[in-house]
Amino acid sequence: MSVAFRRESDDEHLEPKFERPIAPGPNLVTARGLALIDAEVARLNAALEQASDEERPALLREQRYWHTRQTTAEVVPAPEPGEIGIGSRVTIRMGGTERVVEIVGGDEADPAEGRIGYQAPLARALIGAEVGETVEFGGKADAIKVVRIADAS
């Protein structure tokens, strides 16, 4: 039989595992975000102690990612009162509907929970705005009205 039709094992044909991508730019985080990163590093360190040889590569890859995020994290001070920044919980009116979003670091973002990363287009549009202001979004002037601002902590 030709070598071209022979298969030594399935492992030979698996796609290589690459490192998790890290977003460019500074790693700005809230105090809560840093605590979550620290907890994830601790969880991975504990999991590695119990890991089988098969589990270790994936856990080590995750550990490298989170350790890098931990060492590069820059905790952002709370924004000035009344001004939107990283760590703000903001009530906005958009398209006639009110919604609450919290602006956080990239690793802490969870849109389903209303937490958006500061790099997200919506967050970029809101940062620096104040209560009562309307901001441009999606090419529409006055698309978003800022209703309320609170410190998220």
Protein backbone atom coordinates (compact mmCIF):
# COMPACT_ATOMS: atom_id res chain seq x y z
CA MET A 1 0.00 0.00 0.00
CA SER A 2 1.23 3.48 -0.81
CA VAL A 3 2.45 5.65 2.05
CA ALA A 4 -0.06 8.31 0.98
CA PHE A 5 -2.94 6.10 2.08
CA ARG A 6 -1.47 5.03 5.37
CA ARG A 7 -2.38 6.75 8.61
CA GLU A 8 -0.12 6.29 11.58
CA SER A 9 -2.41 7.90 14.13
CA ASP A 10 -5.06 10.55 14.53
CA ASP A 11 -2.69 12.67 16.62
CA GLU A 12 -0.49 13.34 13.60
CA HIS A 13 -3.34 15.05 11.79
CA LEU A 14 -4.67 17.28 14.53
CA GLU A 15 -4.54 21.01 13.96
CA PRO A 16 -1.78 22.69 15.95
CA LYS A 17 -2.85 24.60 19.03
CA PHE A 18 -1.85 28.25 18.93
CA GLU A 19 -1.49 30.71 21.77
CA ARG A 20 -4.55 32.76 22.71
CA PRO A 21 -4.36 36.14 21.02
CA ILE A 22 -3.76 39.15 23.22
CA ALA A 23 -5.43 42.41 22.25
CA PRO A 24 -3.02 45.16 21.21
CA GLY A 25 -2.60 48.20 23.40
CA PRO A 26 -2.55 48.61 27.15
CA ASN A 27 -4.26 46.08 29.41
CA LEU A 28 -6.50 48.48 31.34
CA VAL A 29 -8.59 46.80 34.04
CA THR A 30 -10.89 47.66 36.91
CA ALA A 31 -10.02 46.50 40.44
CA ARG A 32 -12.70 43.81 40.00
CA GLY A 33 -11.13 42.78 36.70
CA LEU A 34 -7.69 42.35 38.30
CA ALA A 35 -9.24 40.23 41.07
CA LEU A 36 -10.88 38.01 38.42
CA ILE A 37 -7.55 37.62 36.58
CA ASP A 38 -5.77 36.75 39.85
CA ALA A 39 -8.45 34.16 40.65
CA GLU A 40 -8.12 32.58 37.19
CA VAL A 41 -4.32 32.32 37.54
CA ALA A 42 -4.74 30.66 40.95
CA ARG A 43 -7.36 28.26 39.55
CA LEU A 44 -5.08 27.27 36.66
CA ASN A 45 -2.08 26.78 38.96
CA ALA A 46 -4.15 24.44 41.15
CA ALA A 47 -5.52 22.58 38.10
CA LEU A 48 -1.99 22.05 36.76
CA GLU A 49 -0.97 20.29 39.97
CA GLN A 50 -3.70 17.69 39.37
CA ALA A 51 -3.58 17.58 35.56
CA SER A 52 -2.92 14.50 33.50
CA ASP A 53 -0.31 14.57 30.72
CA GLU A 54 -3.12 15.03 28.17
CA GLU A 55 -4.62 18.02 30.01
CA ARG A 56 -1.33 19.83 30.69
CA PRO A 57 -0.72 21.46 27.27
CA ALA A 58 -4.12 23.19 27.19
CA LEU A 59 -3.82 24.26 30.82
CA LEU A 60 -0.29 25.59 30.27
CA ARG A 61 -1.50 27.59 27.25
CA GLU A 62 -4.29 29.11 29.35
CA GLN A 63 -1.87 29.77 32.21
CA ARG A 64 0.52 31.64 29.87
CA TYR A 65 -2.35 33.81 28.60
CA TRP A 66 -3.69 34.70 32.05
CA HIS A 67 -0.23 35.19 33.55
CA THR A 68 0.59 37.65 30.77
CA ARG A 69 -2.70 39.46 31.40
CA GLN A 70 -1.93 39.52 35.13
CA THR A 71 1.57 40.96 34.72
CA THR A 72 0.51 43.60 32.18
CA ALA A 73 -2.68 44.70 33.97
CA GLU A 74 -2.97 48.41 34.72
CA VAL A 75 -5.71 49.19 37.23
CA VAL A 76 -7.48 52.34 36.09
CA PRO A 77 -8.47 54.87 38.74
CA ALA A 78 -12.18 55.59 39.08
CA PRO A 79 -13.40 58.21 36.61
CA GLU A 80 -14.21 61.73 37.78
CA PRO A 81 -17.72 61.98 39.28
CA GLY A 82 -20.27 62.61 36.55
CA GLU A 83 -17.96 61.60 33.71
CA ILE A 84 -18.01 58.25 31.93
CA GLY A 85 -14.84 56.19 32.03
CA ILE A 86 -13.59 52.67 32.66
CA GLY A 87 -15.42 51.47 35.75
CA SER A 88 -18.61 53.46 35.09
CA ARG A 89 -22.11 51.97 35.08
CA VAL A 90 -24.11 54.01 32.58
CA THR A 91 -27.81 54.16 31.82
CA ILE A 92 -28.31 55.18 28.20
CA ARG A 93 -31.29 55.71 25.94
CA MET A 94 -30.74 54.42 22.44
CA GLY A 95 -33.49 54.01 19.86
CA GLY A 96 -36.12 54.80 22.48
CA THR A 97 -34.95 51.99 24.77
CA GLU A 98 -33.06 52.41 28.04
CA ARG A 99 -30.28 50.03 28.90
CA VAL A 100 -27.51 49.87 31.48
CA VAL A 101 -23.92 49.10 30.50
CA GLU A 102 -20.78 48.89 32.58
CA ILE A 103 -17.47 49.82 30.93
CA VAL A 104 -14.71 47.40 31.96
CA GLY A 105 -11.39 45.92 30.82
CA GLY A 106 -11.34 43.54 27.86
CA ASP A 107 -11.01 40.29 29.84
CA GLU A 108 -13.83 41.29 32.17
CA ALA A 109 -16.28 42.07 29.35
CA ASP A 110 -19.48 40.05 29.18
CA PRO A 111 -22.06 41.70 26.90
CA ALA A 112 -24.81 39.33 28.06
CA GLU A 113 -24.30 40.73 31.59
CA GLY A 114 -24.11 44.33 30.35
CA ARG A 115 -20.32 44.61 30.78
CA ILE A 116 -18.57 45.96 27.68
CA GLY A 117 -14.84 46.32 27.13
CA TYR A 118 -13.47 49.84 26.87
CA GLN A 119 -12.27 49.03 23.31
CA ALA A 120 -15.83 48.29 22.11
CA PRO A 121 -17.33 50.89 19.77
CA LEU A 122 -20.19 51.66 22.19
CA ALA A 123 -17.77 52.19 25.09
CA ARG A 124 -15.51 54.41 22.96
CA ALA A 125 -18.52 56.53 22.04
CA LEU A 126 -19.53 56.92 25.70
CA ILE A 127 -16.17 57.52 27.40
CA GLY A 128 -15.84 61.16 28.39
CA ALA A 129 -19.56 61.94 28.08
CA GLU A 130 -21.66 63.36 30.91
CA VAL A 131 -25.29 63.04 32.07
CA GLY A 132 -27.73 64.70 29.66
CA GLU A 133 -25.26 64.62 26.77
CA THR A 134 -26.07 62.95 23.48
CA VAL A 135 -23.30 61.22 21.57
CA GLU A 136 -22.76 60.05 18.03
CA PHE A 137 -22.83 56.32 17.40
CA GLY A 138 -22.94 54.27 14.23
CA GLY A 139 -22.70 57.37 12.06
CA LYS A 140 -25.81 58.93 13.62
CA ALA A 141 -25.52 62.21 15.48
CA ASP A 142 -27.34 62.20 18.82
CA ALA A 143 -27.86 58.42 18.63
CA ILE A 144 -27.32 57.86 22.37
CA LYS A 145 -28.49 59.95 25.31
CA VAL A 146 -26.68 59.53 28.64
CA VAL A 147 -29.36 59.24 31.34
CA ARG A 148 -27.37 58.26 34.46
CA ILE A 149 -23.77 57.56 35.48
CA ALA A 150 -22.73 55.56 38.54
CA ASP A 151 -19.45 54.12 39.80
CA ALA A 152 -19.58 50.38 39.04
CA SER A 153 -17.67 49.34 42.16
